[in-house]
Amino acid sequence: MNSKLLKTVAAAALMSLSAFGLQAQDLKIGYINSERVLKEANLAKAAQLKLETEFGKREKDLKDAENKLRGAAEKLEKDAPTLAEAERNRRQRDLVEADRDLQRKRREWQEDLTQRKNEELGAVVERANRVIKQIFDAEKYDLIVQDALHASGRVDITKKVIDALNAQK
C-alpha cells in the first residue's frame, strides 16, 4: 500500500472513530519511520553488507574496464594523426564495440543489483512487519502508521521496532 493511500486510510479511520464518539485520547497510536528502520536495524545493515560483498567485485571490474576503455580512447585520439585510415577505423570500431559491451555489462550488473536489493529489503520489511504486528498486538495499539507526514515523538515507536528486530536471531 503506498504511503499516500495509507495516510488517507488512516485519516478516514480517525475521522470515523471520532464520528462514533470516541475521543482521541482513547486511541493508542504509534508511528514508525520505515526509512530509519531500513538504515539502522542490524538486519538491514547485514543485508547491505551482503550486497556490497556480492556485487563489489563486479562493480570494480566494470570501473577497471571503463578506465581501460577511456585510456584506449585517449591513446587513439593521440595516435590518430599518425595512423593509417584503415587502422584508425579498426581501432574506432573496436572502441565502439568495447563501449557497447561495457554498457551491456553495466546494465546487467544494475539489473542484478536492483533485483537482489529488492529481495534483501523485502526480507527485512517482512520481518519488520511481523515485529510491528507483534508490538501492535502485545501493547494493544489501535493504529500504527508508517511514514506519516508529521508525527509527535510521543507516538514514535521506531526505536522499539529497531530494538525488537535487533533482538531477533
N, C-alpha and C. Protein backbone atom coordinates (compact mmCIF):
# COMPACT_ATOMS: atom_id res chain seq x y z
N MET A 1 0.86 -1.17 0.00
CA MET A 1 0.00 0.00 0.00
C MET A 1 0.91 1.23 0.00
N ASN A 2 0.66 2.15 -0.93
CA ASN A 2 1.56 3.31 -0.95
C ASN A 2 1.25 4.25 0.21
N SER A 3 2.23 5.09 0.52
CA SER A 3 2.12 5.92 1.72
C SER A 3 0.99 6.94 1.63
N LYS A 4 0.70 7.45 0.44
CA LYS A 4 -0.38 8.44 0.29
C LYS A 4 -1.73 7.79 0.60
N LEU A 5 -1.92 6.58 0.06
CA LEU A 5 -3.16 5.85 0.32
C LEU A 5 -3.26 5.48 1.79
N LEU A 6 -2.13 5.07 2.38
CA LEU A 6 -2.11 4.71 3.80
C LEU A 6 -2.50 5.91 4.66
N LYS A 7 -1.98 7.08 4.33
CA LYS A 7 -2.31 8.29 5.09
C LYS A 7 -3.80 8.63 4.96
N THR A 8 -4.33 8.45 3.77
CA THR A 8 -5.74 8.73 3.54
C THR A 8 -6.61 7.77 4.35
N VAL A 9 -6.23 6.49 4.32
CA VAL A 9 -6.99 5.48 5.08
C VAL A 9 -6.91 5.78 6.57
N ALA A 10 -5.72 6.13 7.05
CA ALA A 10 -5.56 6.45 8.48
C ALA A 10 -6.39 7.65 8.87
N ALA A 11 -6.40 8.69 8.04
CA ALA A 11 -7.19 9.89 8.33
C ALA A 11 -8.68 9.55 8.34
N ALA A 12 -9.10 8.74 7.37
CA ALA A 12 -10.51 8.35 7.32
C ALA A 12 -10.89 7.52 8.54
N ALA A 13 -9.99 6.64 8.96
CA ALA A 13 -10.27 5.82 10.15
C ALA A 13 -10.40 6.69 11.39
N LEU A 14 -9.51 7.65 11.54
CA LEU A 14 -9.57 8.54 12.69
C LEU A 14 -10.86 9.37 12.69
N MET A 15 -11.23 9.87 11.51
CA MET A 15 -12.46 10.67 11.42
C MET A 15 -13.68 9.82 11.73
N SER A 16 -13.70 8.58 11.24
CA SER A 16 -14.87 7.73 11.51
C SER A 16 -14.94 7.35 12.98
N LEU A 17 -13.78 7.12 13.60
CA LEU A 17 -13.78 6.81 15.04
C LEU A 17 -14.30 7.99 15.85
N SER A 18 -13.89 9.20 15.47
CA SER A 18 -14.37 10.37 16.21
C SER A 18 -15.85 10.61 15.94
N ALA A 19 -16.33 10.22 14.79
CA ALA A 19 -17.75 10.37 14.48
C ALA A 19 -18.60 9.45 15.37
N PHE A 20 -18.01 8.35 15.82
CA PHE A 20 -18.74 7.43 16.69
C PHE A 20 -18.56 7.76 18.17
N GLY A 21 -18.04 8.93 18.45
CA GLY A 21 -17.98 9.39 19.82
C GLY A 21 -16.72 9.01 20.58
N LEU A 22 -15.75 8.41 19.94
CA LEU A 22 -14.51 8.07 20.63
C LEU A 22 -13.63 9.32 20.70
N GLN A 23 -12.99 9.49 21.80
CA GLN A 23 -12.09 10.61 21.97
C GLN A 23 -10.69 10.20 21.51
N ALA A 24 -9.94 11.18 21.03
CA ALA A 24 -8.59 10.91 20.55
C ALA A 24 -7.72 10.31 21.65
N GLN A 25 -7.93 10.73 22.90
CA GLN A 25 -7.09 10.20 23.97
C GLN A 25 -7.41 8.73 24.27
N ASP A 26 -8.54 8.22 23.78
CA ASP A 26 -8.87 6.81 23.95
C ASP A 26 -8.11 5.93 22.97
N LEU A 27 -7.52 6.53 21.97
CA LEU A 27 -6.81 5.79 20.95
C LEU A 27 -5.34 5.64 21.32
N LYS A 28 -4.79 4.50 21.02
CA LYS A 28 -3.35 4.29 21.19
C LYS A 28 -2.77 4.20 19.79
N ILE A 29 -1.98 5.22 19.45
CA ILE A 29 -1.45 5.35 18.09
C ILE A 29 0.07 5.29 18.14
N GLY A 30 0.64 4.61 17.17
CA GLY A 30 2.09 4.55 17.04
C GLY A 30 2.50 4.97 15.63
N TYR A 31 3.70 5.48 15.55
CA TYR A 31 4.25 5.92 14.26
C TYR A 31 5.61 5.25 14.07
N ILE A 32 5.90 4.82 12.84
CA ILE A 32 7.17 4.19 12.53
C ILE A 32 7.78 4.86 11.30
N ASN A 33 9.05 5.23 11.41
CA ASN A 33 9.81 5.78 10.30
C ASN A 33 10.50 4.60 9.61
N SER A 34 9.91 4.15 8.50
CA SER A 34 10.42 2.97 7.79
C SER A 34 11.84 3.16 7.29
N GLU A 35 12.13 4.35 6.81
CA GLU A 35 13.47 4.63 6.29
C GLU A 35 14.52 4.42 7.38
N ARG A 36 14.20 4.89 8.57
CA ARG A 36 15.13 4.73 9.70
C ARG A 36 15.30 3.26 10.06
N VAL A 37 14.21 2.49 10.01
CA VAL A 37 14.30 1.06 10.29
C VAL A 37 15.23 0.39 9.27
N LEU A 38 15.08 0.77 7.99
CA LEU A 38 15.89 0.16 6.93
C LEU A 38 17.34 0.63 6.95
N LYS A 39 17.64 1.68 7.68
CA LYS A 39 19.03 2.14 7.80
C LYS A 39 19.69 1.63 9.08
N GLU A 40 18.94 1.56 10.17
CA GLU A 40 19.54 1.33 11.48
C GLU A 40 19.44 -0.10 12.00
N ALA A 41 18.50 -0.87 11.52
CA ALA A 41 18.35 -2.24 12.02
C ALA A 41 19.54 -3.08 11.58
N ASN A 42 20.04 -3.92 12.48
CA ASN A 42 21.18 -4.78 12.18
C ASN A 42 20.90 -5.68 10.97
N LEU A 43 19.68 -6.14 10.85
CA LEU A 43 19.28 -6.98 9.73
C LEU A 43 19.45 -6.24 8.40
N ALA A 44 19.07 -4.96 8.38
CA ALA A 44 19.21 -4.15 7.17
C ALA A 44 20.68 -3.87 6.87
N LYS A 45 21.46 -3.62 7.91
CA LYS A 45 22.90 -3.39 7.72
C LYS A 45 23.57 -4.65 7.18
N ALA A 46 23.18 -5.80 7.70
CA ALA A 46 23.74 -7.07 7.23
C ALA A 46 23.37 -7.32 5.77
N ALA A 47 22.15 -6.97 5.40
CA ALA A 47 21.71 -7.13 4.01
C ALA A 47 22.52 -6.23 3.09
N GLN A 48 22.78 -5.00 3.52
CA GLN A 48 23.58 -4.07 2.73
C GLN A 48 25.00 -4.58 2.56
N LEU A 49 25.59 -5.08 3.63
CA LEU A 49 26.94 -5.63 3.57
C LEU A 49 27.00 -6.84 2.64
N LYS A 50 25.98 -7.66 2.72
CA LYS A 50 25.90 -8.85 1.87
C LYS A 50 25.86 -8.43 0.39
N LEU A 51 25.09 -7.40 0.08
CA LEU A 51 25.01 -6.91 -1.30
C LEU A 51 26.34 -6.32 -1.76
N GLU A 52 26.99 -5.57 -0.89
CA GLU A 52 28.28 -4.99 -1.24
C GLU A 52 29.31 -6.08 -1.51
N THR A 53 29.28 -7.13 -0.70
CA THR A 53 30.20 -8.25 -0.91
C THR A 53 29.88 -8.96 -2.21
N GLU A 54 28.60 -9.20 -2.43
CA GLU A 54 28.16 -9.95 -3.61
C GLU A 54 28.42 -9.20 -4.92
N PHE A 55 28.27 -7.89 -4.91
CA PHE A 55 28.36 -7.12 -6.15
C PHE A 55 29.60 -6.23 -6.25
N GLY A 56 30.39 -6.17 -5.21
CA GLY A 56 31.56 -5.30 -5.19
C GLY A 56 32.59 -5.64 -6.25
N LYS A 57 32.88 -6.93 -6.44
CA LYS A 57 33.89 -7.32 -7.42
C LYS A 57 33.44 -6.97 -8.83
N ARG A 58 32.19 -7.23 -9.14
CA ARG A 58 31.69 -6.88 -10.48
C ARG A 58 31.76 -5.38 -10.71
N GLU A 59 31.42 -4.61 -9.66
CA GLU A 59 31.47 -3.15 -9.80
C GLU A 59 32.91 -2.69 -10.04
N LYS A 60 33.86 -3.28 -9.32
CA LYS A 60 35.27 -2.92 -9.50
C LYS A 60 35.72 -3.30 -10.92
N ASP A 61 35.32 -4.48 -11.37
CA ASP A 61 35.68 -4.91 -12.72
C ASP A 61 35.12 -3.95 -13.77
N LEU A 62 33.90 -3.48 -13.56
CA LEU A 62 33.30 -2.52 -14.50
C LEU A 62 34.07 -1.20 -14.51
N LYS A 63 34.45 -0.73 -13.33
CA LYS A 63 35.22 0.52 -13.26
C LYS A 63 36.58 0.36 -13.92
N ASP A 64 37.22 -0.80 -13.71
CA ASP A 64 38.51 -1.06 -14.35
C ASP A 64 38.38 -1.08 -15.87
N ALA A 65 37.33 -1.75 -16.36
CA ALA A 65 37.08 -1.82 -17.80
C ALA A 65 36.80 -0.42 -18.37
N GLU A 66 36.07 0.39 -17.61
CA GLU A 66 35.79 1.76 -18.04
C GLU A 66 37.08 2.58 -18.14
N ASN A 67 37.95 2.45 -17.16
CA ASN A 67 39.22 3.16 -17.18
C ASN A 67 40.10 2.69 -18.34
N LYS A 68 40.11 1.39 -18.58
CA LYS A 68 40.88 0.83 -19.70
C LYS A 68 40.35 1.36 -21.02
N LEU A 69 39.04 1.40 -21.16
CA LEU A 69 38.41 1.92 -22.38
C LEU A 69 38.73 3.40 -22.57
N ARG A 70 38.66 4.16 -21.49
CA ARG A 70 38.98 5.58 -21.55
C ARG A 70 40.44 5.78 -21.99
N GLY A 71 41.33 4.97 -21.44
CA GLY A 71 42.74 5.04 -21.82
C GLY A 71 42.95 4.72 -23.29
N ALA A 72 42.26 3.69 -23.77
CA ALA A 72 42.37 3.31 -25.19
C ALA A 72 41.84 4.43 -26.09
N ALA A 73 40.77 5.09 -25.66
CA ALA A 73 40.20 6.19 -26.45
C ALA A 73 41.17 7.37 -26.49
N GLU A 74 41.81 7.67 -25.35
CA GLU A 74 42.80 8.76 -25.32
C GLU A 74 44.00 8.43 -26.19
N LYS A 75 44.43 7.17 -26.17
CA LYS A 75 45.56 6.74 -26.99
C LYS A 75 45.22 6.86 -28.47
N LEU A 76 44.01 6.45 -28.82
CA LEU A 76 43.59 6.57 -30.22
C LEU A 76 43.57 8.03 -30.65
N GLU A 77 43.04 8.88 -29.79
CA GLU A 77 42.97 10.31 -30.12
C GLU A 77 44.38 10.88 -30.32
N LYS A 78 45.30 10.46 -29.48
CA LYS A 78 46.67 10.93 -29.56
C LYS A 78 47.37 10.40 -30.82
N ASP A 79 47.12 9.10 -31.12
CA ASP A 79 47.80 8.45 -32.24
C ASP A 79 47.11 8.68 -33.58
N ALA A 80 45.87 9.15 -33.58
CA ALA A 80 45.06 9.25 -34.80
C ALA A 80 45.77 9.96 -35.95
N PRO A 81 46.44 11.09 -35.72
CA PRO A 81 47.07 11.77 -36.86
C PRO A 81 48.15 10.95 -37.57
N THR A 82 48.77 10.03 -36.86
CA THR A 82 49.87 9.26 -37.47
C THR A 82 49.42 7.89 -37.98
N LEU A 83 48.17 7.50 -37.73
CA LEU A 83 47.69 6.17 -38.12
C LEU A 83 47.15 6.18 -39.55
N ALA A 84 47.28 5.02 -40.19
CA ALA A 84 46.64 4.85 -41.49
C ALA A 84 45.14 4.83 -41.27
N GLU A 85 44.39 5.26 -42.26
CA GLU A 85 42.93 5.35 -42.12
C GLU A 85 42.31 4.02 -41.75
N ALA A 86 42.76 2.93 -42.36
CA ALA A 86 42.21 1.60 -42.07
C ALA A 86 42.45 1.22 -40.61
N GLU A 87 43.66 1.49 -40.11
CA GLU A 87 43.98 1.18 -38.70
C GLU A 87 43.15 2.04 -37.76
N ARG A 88 43.01 3.33 -38.07
CA ARG A 88 42.22 4.25 -37.25
C ARG A 88 40.76 3.77 -37.20
N ASN A 89 40.21 3.39 -38.35
CA ASN A 89 38.82 2.91 -38.40
C ASN A 89 38.65 1.61 -37.61
N ARG A 90 39.64 0.71 -37.71
CA ARG A 90 39.57 -0.55 -36.97
C ARG A 90 39.57 -0.29 -35.46
N ARG A 91 40.45 0.61 -35.01
CA ARG A 91 40.51 0.94 -33.58
C ARG A 91 39.22 1.61 -33.11
N GLN A 92 38.66 2.48 -33.94
CA GLN A 92 37.40 3.14 -33.58
C GLN A 92 36.28 2.11 -33.44
N ARG A 93 36.22 1.15 -34.38
CA ARG A 93 35.21 0.09 -34.30
C ARG A 93 35.41 -0.74 -33.03
N ASP A 94 36.67 -1.05 -32.73
CA ASP A 94 36.96 -1.82 -31.52
C ASP A 94 36.50 -1.07 -30.27
N LEU A 95 36.75 0.25 -30.25
CA LEU A 95 36.32 1.07 -29.11
C LEU A 95 34.80 1.09 -28.98
N VAL A 96 34.12 1.27 -30.10
CA VAL A 96 32.65 1.29 -30.08
C VAL A 96 32.11 -0.04 -29.59
N GLU A 97 32.70 -1.13 -30.07
CA GLU A 97 32.27 -2.47 -29.65
C GLU A 97 32.55 -2.69 -28.16
N ALA A 98 33.72 -2.27 -27.70
CA ALA A 98 34.07 -2.42 -26.29
C ALA A 98 33.15 -1.57 -25.42
N ASP A 99 32.81 -0.36 -25.88
CA ASP A 99 31.90 0.50 -25.13
C ASP A 99 30.51 -0.12 -25.06
N ARG A 100 30.05 -0.66 -26.16
CA ARG A 100 28.73 -1.32 -26.19
C ARG A 100 28.71 -2.50 -25.21
N ASP A 101 29.79 -3.28 -25.21
CA ASP A 101 29.89 -4.43 -24.31
C ASP A 101 29.92 -3.97 -22.85
N LEU A 102 30.67 -2.90 -22.57
CA LEU A 102 30.73 -2.35 -21.21
C LEU A 102 29.35 -1.87 -20.76
N GLN A 103 28.64 -1.15 -21.62
CA GLN A 103 27.31 -0.66 -21.27
C GLN A 103 26.34 -1.81 -21.01
N ARG A 104 26.45 -2.88 -21.81
CA ARG A 104 25.59 -4.06 -21.59
C ARG A 104 25.90 -4.69 -20.24
N LYS A 105 27.18 -4.84 -19.93
CA LYS A 105 27.58 -5.43 -18.64
C LYS A 105 27.13 -4.54 -17.48
N ARG A 106 27.23 -3.24 -17.66
CA ARG A 106 26.81 -2.31 -16.60
C ARG A 106 25.29 -2.42 -16.37
N ARG A 107 24.51 -2.51 -17.45
CA ARG A 107 23.05 -2.68 -17.32
C ARG A 107 22.72 -3.99 -16.61
N GLU A 108 23.39 -5.07 -17.02
CA GLU A 108 23.14 -6.37 -16.39
C GLU A 108 23.47 -6.31 -14.90
N TRP A 109 24.61 -5.68 -14.57
CA TRP A 109 25.00 -5.54 -13.17
C TRP A 109 23.95 -4.75 -12.40
N GLN A 110 23.50 -3.65 -12.98
CA GLN A 110 22.50 -2.80 -12.30
C GLN A 110 21.18 -3.56 -12.12
N GLU A 111 20.77 -4.30 -13.14
CA GLU A 111 19.52 -5.08 -13.02
C GLU A 111 19.66 -6.16 -11.95
N ASP A 112 20.80 -6.86 -11.94
CA ASP A 112 21.02 -7.89 -10.93
C ASP A 112 21.06 -7.29 -9.53
N LEU A 113 21.75 -6.16 -9.39
CA LEU A 113 21.84 -5.49 -8.09
C LEU A 113 20.46 -5.05 -7.61
N THR A 114 19.68 -4.46 -8.51
CA THR A 114 18.33 -4.00 -8.15
C THR A 114 17.46 -5.17 -7.71
N GLN A 115 17.54 -6.26 -8.45
CA GLN A 115 16.74 -7.44 -8.10
C GLN A 115 17.14 -7.98 -6.73
N ARG A 116 18.44 -8.12 -6.49
CA ARG A 116 18.90 -8.63 -5.20
C ARG A 116 18.58 -7.67 -4.06
N LYS A 117 18.70 -6.37 -4.34
CA LYS A 117 18.38 -5.38 -3.30
C LYS A 117 16.91 -5.49 -2.92
N ASN A 118 16.05 -5.65 -3.92
CA ASN A 118 14.61 -5.81 -3.65
C ASN A 118 14.35 -7.07 -2.84
N GLU A 119 15.06 -8.15 -3.15
CA GLU A 119 14.89 -9.39 -2.40
C GLU A 119 15.32 -9.21 -0.94
N GLU A 120 16.52 -8.64 -0.77
CA GLU A 120 17.04 -8.46 0.59
C GLU A 120 16.18 -7.49 1.41
N LEU A 121 15.83 -6.35 0.82
CA LEU A 121 15.00 -5.39 1.54
C LEU A 121 13.60 -5.95 1.78
N GLY A 122 13.11 -6.74 0.85
CA GLY A 122 11.81 -7.38 1.04
C GLY A 122 11.80 -8.28 2.26
N ALA A 123 12.90 -9.01 2.46
CA ALA A 123 13.01 -9.88 3.63
C ALA A 123 13.06 -9.05 4.91
N VAL A 124 13.79 -7.94 4.88
CA VAL A 124 13.87 -7.05 6.05
C VAL A 124 12.49 -6.47 6.36
N VAL A 125 11.80 -5.99 5.33
CA VAL A 125 10.47 -5.40 5.51
C VAL A 125 9.49 -6.43 6.05
N GLU A 126 9.59 -7.65 5.54
CA GLU A 126 8.69 -8.72 6.02
C GLU A 126 8.91 -8.98 7.51
N ARG A 127 10.17 -9.06 7.92
CA ARG A 127 10.46 -9.29 9.35
C ARG A 127 10.04 -8.09 10.18
N ALA A 128 10.29 -6.89 9.67
CA ALA A 128 9.88 -5.67 10.40
C ALA A 128 8.37 -5.65 10.56
N ASN A 129 7.63 -6.01 9.53
CA ASN A 129 6.17 -6.02 9.62
C ASN A 129 5.68 -7.02 10.65
N ARG A 130 6.37 -8.17 10.75
CA ARG A 130 5.99 -9.15 11.79
C ARG A 130 6.25 -8.57 13.18
N VAL A 131 7.37 -7.87 13.34
CA VAL A 131 7.69 -7.25 14.64
C VAL A 131 6.65 -6.18 14.97
N ILE A 132 6.31 -5.38 13.97
CA ILE A 132 5.30 -4.33 14.18
C ILE A 132 3.97 -4.95 14.60
N LYS A 133 3.59 -6.02 13.95
CA LYS A 133 2.34 -6.71 14.30
C LYS A 133 2.40 -7.25 15.73
N GLN A 134 3.55 -7.79 16.12
CA GLN A 134 3.71 -8.29 17.49
C GLN A 134 3.57 -7.15 18.50
N ILE A 135 4.20 -6.02 18.21
CA ILE A 135 4.10 -4.85 19.10
C ILE A 135 2.66 -4.35 19.14
N PHE A 136 2.02 -4.32 17.98
CA PHE A 136 0.62 -3.88 17.87
C PHE A 136 -0.26 -4.73 18.78
N ASP A 137 -0.10 -6.05 18.69
CA ASP A 137 -0.93 -6.97 19.49
C ASP A 137 -0.56 -6.92 20.97
N ALA A 138 0.73 -6.98 21.27
CA ALA A 138 1.18 -7.06 22.66
C ALA A 138 0.85 -5.79 23.44
N GLU A 139 0.97 -4.64 22.80
CA GLU A 139 0.77 -3.38 23.50
C GLU A 139 -0.60 -2.75 23.22
N LYS A 140 -1.44 -3.50 22.51
CA LYS A 140 -2.84 -3.12 22.27
C LYS A 140 -2.98 -1.73 21.61
N TYR A 141 -2.27 -1.56 20.49
CA TYR A 141 -2.40 -0.32 19.71
C TYR A 141 -3.70 -0.36 18.92
N ASP A 142 -4.29 0.80 18.71
CA ASP A 142 -5.46 0.92 17.84
C ASP A 142 -5.02 1.19 16.39
N LEU A 143 -3.88 1.86 16.25
CA LEU A 143 -3.41 2.24 14.92
C LEU A 143 -1.91 2.45 14.96
N ILE A 144 -1.21 1.85 13.99
CA ILE A 144 0.20 2.13 13.79
C ILE A 144 0.35 2.60 12.36
N VAL A 145 0.98 3.76 12.20
CA VAL A 145 1.15 4.38 10.89
C VAL A 145 2.63 4.39 10.54
N GLN A 146 2.91 4.05 9.29
CA GLN A 146 4.28 4.14 8.80
C GLN A 146 4.42 5.38 7.94
N ASP A 147 5.51 6.11 8.12
CA ASP A 147 5.89 7.23 7.25
C ASP A 147 4.82 8.30 7.15
N ALA A 148 4.39 8.80 8.26
CA ALA A 148 3.42 9.90 8.30
C ALA A 148 4.12 11.20 7.91
N LEU A 149 3.34 12.15 7.46
CA LEU A 149 3.88 13.45 7.10
C LEU A 149 4.42 14.16 8.34
N HIS A 150 3.67 14.14 9.41
CA HIS A 150 4.10 14.73 10.69
C HIS A 150 3.68 13.77 11.80
N ALA A 151 4.56 13.61 12.78
CA ALA A 151 4.23 12.76 13.92
C ALA A 151 4.99 13.26 15.15
N SER A 152 4.35 13.22 16.25
CA SER A 152 4.95 13.63 17.52
C SER A 152 5.89 12.53 18.00
N GLY A 153 6.95 12.94 18.68
CA GLY A 153 7.86 11.98 19.27
C GLY A 153 7.18 11.08 20.29
N ARG A 154 6.07 11.56 20.82
CA ARG A 154 5.30 10.82 21.81
C ARG A 154 4.75 9.51 21.23
N VAL A 155 4.46 9.48 19.93
CA VAL A 155 3.89 8.29 19.31
C VAL A 155 4.90 7.52 18.45
N ASP A 156 6.13 8.03 18.37
CA ASP A 156 7.17 7.40 17.54
C ASP A 156 7.67 6.13 18.23
N ILE A 157 7.42 4.99 17.61
CA ILE A 157 7.87 3.71 18.17
C ILE A 157 8.95 3.07 17.29
N THR A 158 9.58 3.87 16.45
CA THR A 158 10.61 3.37 15.54
C THR A 158 11.73 2.66 16.29
N LYS A 159 12.23 3.27 17.35
CA LYS A 159 13.34 2.69 18.13
C LYS A 159 12.92 1.34 18.71
N LYS A 160 11.70 1.25 19.16
CA LYS A 160 11.19 0.00 19.72
C LYS A 160 11.20 -1.11 18.66
N VAL A 161 10.82 -0.75 17.43
CA VAL A 161 10.81 -1.73 16.33
C VAL A 161 12.25 -2.15 15.99
N ILE A 162 13.16 -1.17 15.92
CA ILE A 162 14.56 -1.48 15.61
C ILE A 162 15.15 -2.38 16.69
N ASP A 163 14.90 -2.04 17.95
CA ASP A 163 15.42 -2.85 19.05
C ASP A 163 14.86 -4.27 19.00
N ALA A 164 13.58 -4.41 18.69
CA ALA A 164 12.97 -5.75 18.61
C ALA A 164 13.57 -6.54 17.44
N LEU A 165 13.79 -5.87 16.31
CA LEU A 165 14.43 -6.54 15.17
C LEU A 165 15.85 -6.98 15.53
N ASN A 166 16.59 -6.09 16.19
CA ASN A 166 17.96 -6.41 16.55
C ASN A 166 18.05 -7.53 17.58
N ALA A 167 17.01 -7.70 18.39
CA ALA A 167 17.00 -8.74 19.41
C ALA A 167 16.74 -10.12 18.80
N GLN A 168 16.17 -10.15 17.59
CA GLN A 168 15.88 -11.43 16.95
C GLN A 168 17.16 -12.07 16.43
N LYS A 169 17.12 -13.35 16.33
CA LYS A 169 18.27 -14.10 15.77
C LYS A 169 17.95 -14.56 14.40
